[in-house]
Amino acid sequence: MTGTDVVRHWVHAEHLLFDGRKMSKSAGNVVLVDHVADRGMDPLALRLAFLQHRYRQQMNLTWAVIEVHKQLLIVGERTWLPGRPHHRHPSPTIFSRSSCPP
């Protein structure tokens, strides 16, 4: 449609669980990035949770899991970017290669 690749690699595992139930529209337990932000959590915490999960195992996502990864982002920001004020929703470029110390 756009003439460019949207992604280079696609990894598909099993169905995503949320609170122990398969996430689906029909079950009414779909969690969107907006829902994460509405709860005051950084959407990057959701991305970090996905990245840290082993792709060959089924993932059971919970609000507690997202909260843990939110805290990991805060610790990472304080460790790698000292002196910068903590932002509730840091920009995606905050952890870019060019912004990290050598």
Protein backbone atom coordinates (compact mmCIF):
# COMPACT_ATOMS: atom_id res chain seq x y z
CA MET A 1 0.00 0.00 0.00
CA THR A 2 2.67 2.52 0.99
CA GLY A 3 5.48 1.07 -1.06
CA THR A 4 7.65 0.52 2.02
CA ASP A 5 7.96 -2.36 4.46
CA VAL A 6 6.13 -1.84 7.72
CA VAL A 7 8.33 -4.35 9.55
CA ARG A 8 11.34 -6.42 8.56
CA HIS A 9 10.67 -9.38 10.82
CA TRP A 10 7.40 -10.74 12.14
CA VAL A 11 7.44 -13.06 15.13
CA HIS A 12 4.25 -14.87 16.03
CA ALA A 13 3.94 -16.89 19.19
CA GLU A 14 0.85 -18.26 20.86
CA HIS A 15 -2.19 -16.23 21.80
CA LEU A 16 -1.55 -13.42 24.25
CA LEU A 17 -3.15 -13.92 27.65
CA PHE A 18 -4.32 -11.10 29.86
CA ASP A 19 -4.95 -12.04 33.49
CA GLY A 20 -4.90 -15.71 32.50
CA ARG A 21 -7.51 -15.45 29.71
CA LYS A 22 -6.90 -15.30 25.96
CA MET A 23 -7.01 -11.67 24.90
CA SER A 24 -9.77 -11.18 22.35
CA LYS A 25 -12.41 -8.67 21.35
CA SER A 26 -15.16 -11.22 21.92
CA ALA A 27 -13.98 -11.80 25.50
CA GLY A 28 -13.86 -8.04 26.05
CA ASN A 29 -10.38 -8.07 27.56
CA VAL A 30 -8.39 -6.30 24.88
CA VAL A 31 -5.86 -3.86 26.32
CA LEU A 32 -4.77 -1.02 24.06
CA VAL A 33 -1.79 1.29 24.47
CA ASP A 34 -4.28 4.05 25.30
CA HIS A 35 -5.54 1.97 28.24
CA VAL A 36 -1.99 1.73 29.58
CA ALA A 37 -1.53 5.51 29.29
CA ASP A 38 -4.95 6.14 30.88
CA ARG A 39 -3.75 4.24 33.96
CA GLY A 40 -0.80 6.64 34.26
CA MET A 41 1.73 4.12 32.98
CA ASP A 42 4.32 4.81 30.34
CA PRO A 43 3.41 2.99 27.09
CA LEU A 44 7.11 2.15 26.74
CA ALA A 45 6.63 -0.14 29.75
CA LEU A 46 4.35 -2.28 27.60
CA ARG A 47 6.97 -2.38 24.86
CA LEU A 48 9.66 -3.34 27.37
CA ALA A 49 7.44 -6.15 28.73
CA PHE A 50 7.05 -7.55 25.22
CA LEU A 51 10.75 -7.24 24.47
CA GLN A 52 11.80 -9.00 27.66
CA HIS A 53 9.45 -11.92 27.19
CA ARG A 54 10.68 -15.08 25.49
CA TYR A 55 8.81 -15.20 22.20
CA ARG A 56 8.44 -18.99 22.17
CA GLN A 57 6.46 -19.00 25.41
CA GLN A 58 2.92 -17.84 25.87
CA MET A 59 2.78 -14.49 27.62
CA ASN A 60 0.36 -13.77 30.45
CA LEU A 61 0.23 -9.99 30.57
CA THR A 62 -1.18 -8.37 33.70
CA TRP A 63 -1.33 -4.84 35.05
CA ALA A 64 1.26 -5.91 37.63
CA VAL A 65 3.67 -7.00 34.86
CA ILE A 66 3.27 -3.63 33.13
CA GLU A 67 3.81 -1.84 36.47
CA VAL A 68 7.06 -3.75 37.07
CA HIS A 69 8.33 -2.71 33.64
CA LYS A 70 7.26 0.88 34.34
CA GLN A 71 9.50 0.81 37.40
CA LEU A 72 12.34 -0.66 35.31
CA LEU A 73 12.04 2.29 32.93
CA ILE A 74 12.24 4.73 35.83
CA VAL A 75 15.35 2.99 37.23
CA GLY A 76 16.91 2.90 33.77
CA GLU A 77 16.24 6.58 33.22
CA ARG A 78 17.77 7.51 36.57
CA THR A 79 20.79 5.26 35.95
CA TRP A 80 21.57 6.18 32.37
CA LEU A 81 20.33 9.75 32.31
CA PRO A 82 21.27 11.26 35.69
CA GLY A 83 20.53 14.92 36.10
CA ARG A 84 17.57 14.81 33.75
CA PRO A 85 14.19 15.15 35.41
CA HIS A 86 12.02 12.04 35.41
CA HIS A 87 9.16 12.30 32.96
CA ARG A 88 6.01 10.26 33.37
CA HIS A 89 5.91 9.59 29.62
CA PRO A 90 9.42 9.88 28.20
CA SER A 91 9.72 10.22 24.47
CA PRO A 92 10.70 7.05 22.59
CA THR A 93 14.03 8.65 21.68
CA ILE A 94 15.08 9.06 25.32
CA PHE A 95 16.96 5.75 25.17
CA SER A 96 18.35 6.23 21.68
CA ARG A 97 21.97 5.35 21.07
CA SER A 98 22.92 9.00 20.69
CA SER A 99 21.42 9.99 24.06
CA CYS A 100 23.13 7.27 26.13
CA PRO A 101 26.51 7.92 27.70
CA PRO A 102 29.48 6.10 26.06
